[in-house]
């Protein structure tokens, strides 16, 4: 599998997830109004957002399952399941992130504005690369299945 296109897609997933996990990339900028100070702006970064162990685990598992998918190139069914599992984890990361945003709106402070930064879009890019890898593996599976039926 090391020479196939899905390896490149999965390596890009590993790189993006590792950067999100290990760096201080902003996901969201929230502007609030406080009593003593007119406006306070702060960035919610992935590093500060990872107070929850589930988010650290989800990105770590996305990295590990993508790596294991690359190394299990002979077992197509396992690859399909692992990519589905990684996609589900990435989706849960989105759900937890937007749940956290909804918790900010319930605080007794006035929120003036929210702006998504490029860190949140990189999670969508991970999903796109996982889908592309899934379709590339499916294409290889069909090629091998058809070559076996010809013999």
C-alpha atoms as a PDB file:
ATOM      1  CA  UNK A   1       0.000   0.000   0.000  1.00  0.00           C
ATOM      2  CA  UNK A   2       2.956   2.285   0.351  1.00  0.00           C
ATOM      3  CA  UNK A   3       2.840   3.150  -3.362  1.00  0.00           C
ATOM      4  CA  UNK A   4      -0.892   3.817  -3.577  1.00  0.00           C
ATOM      5  CA  UNK A   5      -2.690   7.162  -3.533  1.00  0.00           C
ATOM      6  CA  UNK A   6      -4.602   6.387  -0.340  1.00  0.00           C
ATOM      7  CA  UNK A   7      -1.269   6.299   1.480  1.00  0.00           C
ATOM      8  CA  UNK A   8      -0.731   9.940   0.564  1.00  0.00           C
ATOM      9  CA  UNK A   9      -4.231  10.839   1.736  1.00  0.00           C
ATOM     10  CA  UNK A  10      -3.753   9.025   5.025  1.00  0.00           C
ATOM     11  CA  UNK A  11      -0.302  10.543   5.561  1.00  0.00           C
ATOM     12  CA  UNK A  12      -1.850  13.981   5.097  1.00  0.00           C
ATOM     13  CA  UNK A  13      -4.488  13.045   7.700  1.00  0.00           C
ATOM     14  CA  UNK A  14      -1.706  12.011  10.088  1.00  0.00           C
ATOM     15  CA  UNK A  15       0.225  15.250   9.501  1.00  0.00           C
ATOM     16  CA  UNK A  16      -2.800  17.530   9.932  1.00  0.00           C
ATOM     17  CA  UNK A  17      -4.036  15.705  13.043  1.00  0.00           C
ATOM     18  CA  UNK A  18      -0.525  15.773  14.551  1.00  0.00           C
ATOM     19  CA  UNK A  19      -0.223  19.505  13.948  1.00  0.00           C
ATOM     20  CA  UNK A  20      -3.628  20.072  15.541  1.00  0.00           C
ATOM     21  CA  UNK A  21      -2.694  17.908  18.500  1.00  0.00           C
ATOM     22  CA  UNK A  22       0.750  19.333  19.192  1.00  0.00           C
ATOM     23  CA  UNK A  23       0.521  23.006  18.266  1.00  0.00           C
ATOM     24  CA  UNK A  24      -1.326  26.074  19.428  1.00  0.00           C
ATOM     25  CA  UNK A  25      -3.549  26.601  16.381  1.00  0.00           C
ATOM     26  CA  UNK A  26      -6.572  28.860  16.914  1.00  0.00           C
ATOM     27  CA  UNK A  27      -9.953  27.313  16.233  1.00  0.00           C
ATOM     28  CA  UNK A  28     -12.260  30.132  17.247  1.00  0.00           C
ATOM     29  CA  UNK A  29     -12.080  33.783  18.214  1.00  0.00           C
ATOM     30  CA  UNK A  30     -14.759  35.007  20.608  1.00  0.00           C
ATOM     31  CA  UNK A  31     -15.334  38.671  21.439  1.00  0.00           C
ATOM     32  CA  UNK A  32     -17.194  39.342  24.683  1.00  0.00           C
ATOM     33  CA  UNK A  33     -18.243  42.476  26.544  1.00  0.00           C
ATOM     34  CA  UNK A  34     -17.343  42.704  30.198  1.00  0.00           C
ATOM     35  CA  UNK A  35     -18.385  45.230  32.835  1.00  0.00           C
ATOM     36  CA  UNK A  36     -14.985  46.756  33.557  1.00  0.00           C
ATOM     37  CA  UNK A  37     -13.487  46.363  30.092  1.00  0.00           C
ATOM     38  CA  UNK A  38     -15.378  47.175  26.934  1.00  0.00           C
ATOM     39  CA  UNK A  39     -14.239  44.289  24.735  1.00  0.00           C
ATOM     40  CA  UNK A  40     -12.168  41.205  25.396  1.00  0.00           C
ATOM     41  CA  UNK A  41     -11.043  39.044  22.518  1.00  0.00           C
ATOM     42  CA  UNK A  42      -9.433  35.664  22.937  1.00  0.00           C
ATOM     43  CA  UNK A  43      -8.654  32.726  20.713  1.00  0.00           C
ATOM     44  CA  UNK A  44      -9.741  29.245  21.582  1.00  0.00           C
ATOM     45  CA  UNK A  45      -6.801  27.163  20.455  1.00  0.00           C
ATOM     46  CA  UNK A  46      -6.590  23.413  20.132  1.00  0.00           C
ATOM     47  CA  UNK A  47      -4.025  23.249  22.914  1.00  0.00           C
ATOM     48  CA  UNK A  48      -6.219  25.215  25.328  1.00  0.00           C
ATOM     49  CA  UNK A  49      -9.307  23.389  24.085  1.00  0.00           C
ATOM     50  CA  UNK A  50      -7.806  20.054  25.068  1.00  0.00           C
ATOM     51  CA  UNK A  51      -8.782  20.292  28.681  1.00  0.00           C
ATOM     52  CA  UNK A  52     -11.048  17.371  27.847  1.00  0.00           C
ATOM     53  CA  UNK A  53      -9.306  14.016  27.558  1.00  0.00           C
ATOM     54  CA  UNK A  54     -11.815  12.854  24.934  1.00  0.00           C
ATOM     55  CA  UNK A  55     -10.510  15.374  22.411  1.00  0.00           C
ATOM     56  CA  UNK A  56      -6.911  14.308  22.946  1.00  0.00           C
ATOM     57  CA  UNK A  57      -7.970  10.696  22.552  1.00  0.00           C
ATOM     58  CA  UNK A  58      -9.980  11.350  19.400  1.00  0.00           C
ATOM     59  CA  UNK A  59      -7.112  13.034  17.558  1.00  0.00           C
ATOM     60  CA  UNK A  60      -4.635  10.441  18.815  1.00  0.00           C
ATOM     61  CA  UNK A  61      -6.896   7.621  17.663  1.00  0.00           C
ATOM     62  CA  UNK A  62      -7.338   9.284  14.255  1.00  0.00           C
ATOM     63  CA  UNK A  63      -3.543   9.335  13.926  1.00  0.00           C
ATOM     64  CA  UNK A  64      -3.137   5.728  15.082  1.00  0.00           C
ATOM     65  CA  UNK A  65      -5.957   4.301  12.968  1.00  0.00           C
ATOM     66  CA  UNK A  66      -4.678   6.114   9.876  1.00  0.00           C
ATOM     67  CA  UNK A  67      -1.204   4.716  10.472  1.00  0.00           C
ATOM     68  CA  UNK A  68      -2.564   1.219  11.051  1.00  0.00           C
ATOM     69  CA  UNK A  69      -4.692   1.534   7.884  1.00  0.00           C
ATOM     70  CA  UNK A  70      -1.543   2.270   5.883  1.00  0.00           C
ATOM     71  CA  UNK A  71       0.214  -0.754   7.345  1.00  0.00           C
ATOM     72  CA  UNK A  72      -2.697  -3.193   6.866  1.00  0.00           C
ATOM     73  CA  UNK A  73      -2.724  -2.994   3.083  1.00  0.00           C
ATOM     74  CA  UNK A  74      -3.790  -6.594   2.464  1.00  0.00           C
ATOM     75  CA  UNK A  75      -6.972  -6.534   4.525  1.00  0.00           C
ATOM     76  CA  UNK A  76      -9.458  -4.311   2.692  1.00  0.00           C
ATOM     77  CA  UNK A  77     -12.361  -4.872   5.070  1.00  0.00           C
ATOM     78  CA  UNK A  78     -10.246  -3.820   8.038  1.00  0.00           C
ATOM     79  CA  UNK A  79      -9.167  -0.725   6.122  1.00  0.00           C
ATOM     80  CA  UNK A  80     -12.813   0.195   5.440  1.00  0.00           C
ATOM     81  CA  UNK A  81     -13.667  -0.201   9.115  1.00  0.00           C
ATOM     82  CA  UNK A  82     -10.654   1.798  10.301  1.00  0.00           C
ATOM     83  CA  UNK A  83     -11.384   4.680   7.969  1.00  0.00           C
ATOM     84  CA  UNK A  84     -15.032   4.654   9.072  1.00  0.00           C
ATOM     85  CA  UNK A  85     -13.879   4.701  12.686  1.00  0.00           C
ATOM     86  CA  UNK A  86     -11.524   7.645  11.999  1.00  0.00           C
ATOM     87  CA  UNK A  87     -14.295   9.531  10.214  1.00  0.00           C
ATOM     88  CA  UNK A  88     -16.635   8.932  13.161  1.00  0.00           C
ATOM     89  CA  UNK A  89     -14.004  10.213  15.600  1.00  0.00           C
ATOM     90  CA  UNK A  90     -13.461  13.317  13.509  1.00  0.00           C
ATOM     91  CA  UNK A  91     -17.219  13.912  13.440  1.00  0.00           C
ATOM     92  CA  UNK A  92     -17.388  13.503  17.235  1.00  0.00           C
ATOM     93  CA  UNK A  93     -14.588  16.059  17.555  1.00  0.00           C
ATOM     94  CA  UNK A  94     -16.779  18.505  15.608  1.00  0.00           C
ATOM     95  CA  UNK A  95     -19.781  17.727  17.812  1.00  0.00           C
ATOM     96  CA  UNK A  96     -17.772  18.296  20.998  1.00  0.00           C
ATOM     97  CA  UNK A  97     -16.371  21.534  19.629  1.00  0.00           C
ATOM     98  CA  UNK A  98     -19.779  22.958  18.758  1.00  0.00           C
ATOM     99  CA  UNK A  99     -21.171  21.741  22.074  1.00  0.00           C
ATOM    100  CA  UNK A 100     -18.423  23.752  23.778  1.00  0.00           C
ATOM    101  CA  UNK A 101     -19.432  26.798  21.736  1.00  0.00           C
ATOM    102  CA  UNK A 102     -23.038  26.386  22.838  1.00  0.00           C
ATOM    103  CA  UNK A 103     -21.825  26.302  26.449  1.00  0.00           C
ATOM    104  CA  UNK A 104     -20.202  29.737  25.922  1.00  0.00           C
ATOM    105  CA  UNK A 105     -23.544  31.126  24.789  1.00  0.00           C
ATOM    106  CA  UNK A 106     -25.155  30.005  28.059  1.00  0.00           C
ATOM    107  CA  UNK A 107     -22.692  31.964  30.207  1.00  0.00           C
ATOM    108  CA  UNK A 108     -23.992  35.171  31.836  1.00  0.00           C
ATOM    109  CA  UNK A 109     -21.747  37.338  29.650  1.00  0.00           C
ATOM    110  CA  UNK A 110     -22.575  39.205  26.474  1.00  0.00           C
ATOM    111  CA  UNK A 111     -20.962  37.642  23.404  1.00  0.00           C
ATOM    112  CA  UNK A 112     -20.497  40.182  20.647  1.00  0.00           C
ATOM    113  CA  UNK A 113     -19.012  37.996  17.939  1.00  0.00           C
ATOM    114  CA  UNK A 114     -17.528  34.627  17.030  1.00  0.00           C
ATOM    115  CA  UNK A 115     -15.144  34.005  14.180  1.00  0.00           C
ATOM    116  CA  UNK A 116     -13.930  30.595  13.073  1.00  0.00           C
ATOM    117  CA  UNK A 117     -10.204  30.376  12.424  1.00  0.00           C
ATOM    118  CA  UNK A 118      -8.356  28.056  10.075  1.00  0.00           C
ATOM    119  CA  UNK A 119      -7.821  25.384  12.719  1.00  0.00           C
ATOM    120  CA  UNK A 120     -11.475  24.342  12.588  1.00  0.00           C
ATOM    121  CA  UNK A 121     -11.332  24.104   8.806  1.00  0.00           C
ATOM    122  CA  UNK A 122      -8.403  21.705   9.022  1.00  0.00           C
ATOM    123  CA  UNK A 123     -10.748  19.244  10.744  1.00  0.00           C
ATOM    124  CA  UNK A 124     -12.934  19.370   7.649  1.00  0.00           C
ATOM    125  CA  UNK A 125      -9.860  18.769   5.499  1.00  0.00           C
ATOM    126  CA  UNK A 126      -9.136  15.646   7.568  1.00  0.00           C
ATOM    127  CA  UNK A 127     -12.651  14.394   6.770  1.00  0.00           C
ATOM    128  CA  UNK A 128     -12.160  15.092   3.059  1.00  0.00           C
ATOM    129  CA  UNK A 129      -8.875  13.159   2.978  1.00  0.00           C
ATOM    130  CA  UNK A 130     -10.480  10.253   4.844  1.00  0.00           C
ATOM    131  CA  UNK A 131     -13.289  10.118   2.294  1.00  0.00           C
ATOM    132  CA  UNK A 132     -10.797  10.242  -0.586  1.00  0.00           C
ATOM    133  CA  UNK A 133      -8.788   7.416   0.993  1.00  0.00           C
ATOM    134  CA  UNK A 134     -11.968   5.371   1.430  1.00  0.00           C
ATOM    135  CA  UNK A 135     -12.855   5.711  -2.246  1.00  0.00           C
ATOM    136  CA  UNK A 136      -9.271   4.931  -3.324  1.00  0.00           C
ATOM    137  CA  UNK A 137      -9.253   1.757  -1.226  1.00  0.00           C
ATOM    138  CA  UNK A 138     -12.652   0.822  -2.642  1.00  0.00           C
ATOM    139  CA  UNK A 139     -11.302   1.310  -6.177  1.00  0.00           C
ATOM    140  CA  UNK A 140      -8.316  -0.959  -5.421  1.00  0.00           C
ATOM    141  CA  UNK A 141     -10.634  -3.551  -3.930  1.00  0.00           C
ATOM    142  CA  UNK A 142     -12.748  -3.601  -7.088  1.00  0.00           C
ATOM    143  CA  UNK A 143      -9.638  -3.937  -9.281  1.00  0.00           C
ATOM    144  CA  UNK A 144      -8.309  -6.878  -7.288  1.00  0.00           C
ATOM    145  CA  UNK A 145     -11.727  -8.517  -7.143  1.00  0.00           C
ATOM    146  CA  UNK A 146     -12.193  -8.228 -10.903  1.00  0.00           C
ATOM    147  CA  UNK A 147      -8.670  -9.532 -11.621  1.00  0.00           C
ATOM    148  CA  UNK A 148      -9.337 -12.572  -9.461  1.00  0.00           C
ATOM    149  CA  UNK A 149     -12.579 -13.343 -11.292  1.00  0.00           C
ATOM    150  CA  UNK A 150     -10.863 -13.192 -14.697  1.00  0.00           C
ATOM    151  CA  UNK A 151      -8.501 -16.014 -13.792  1.00  0.00           C
END
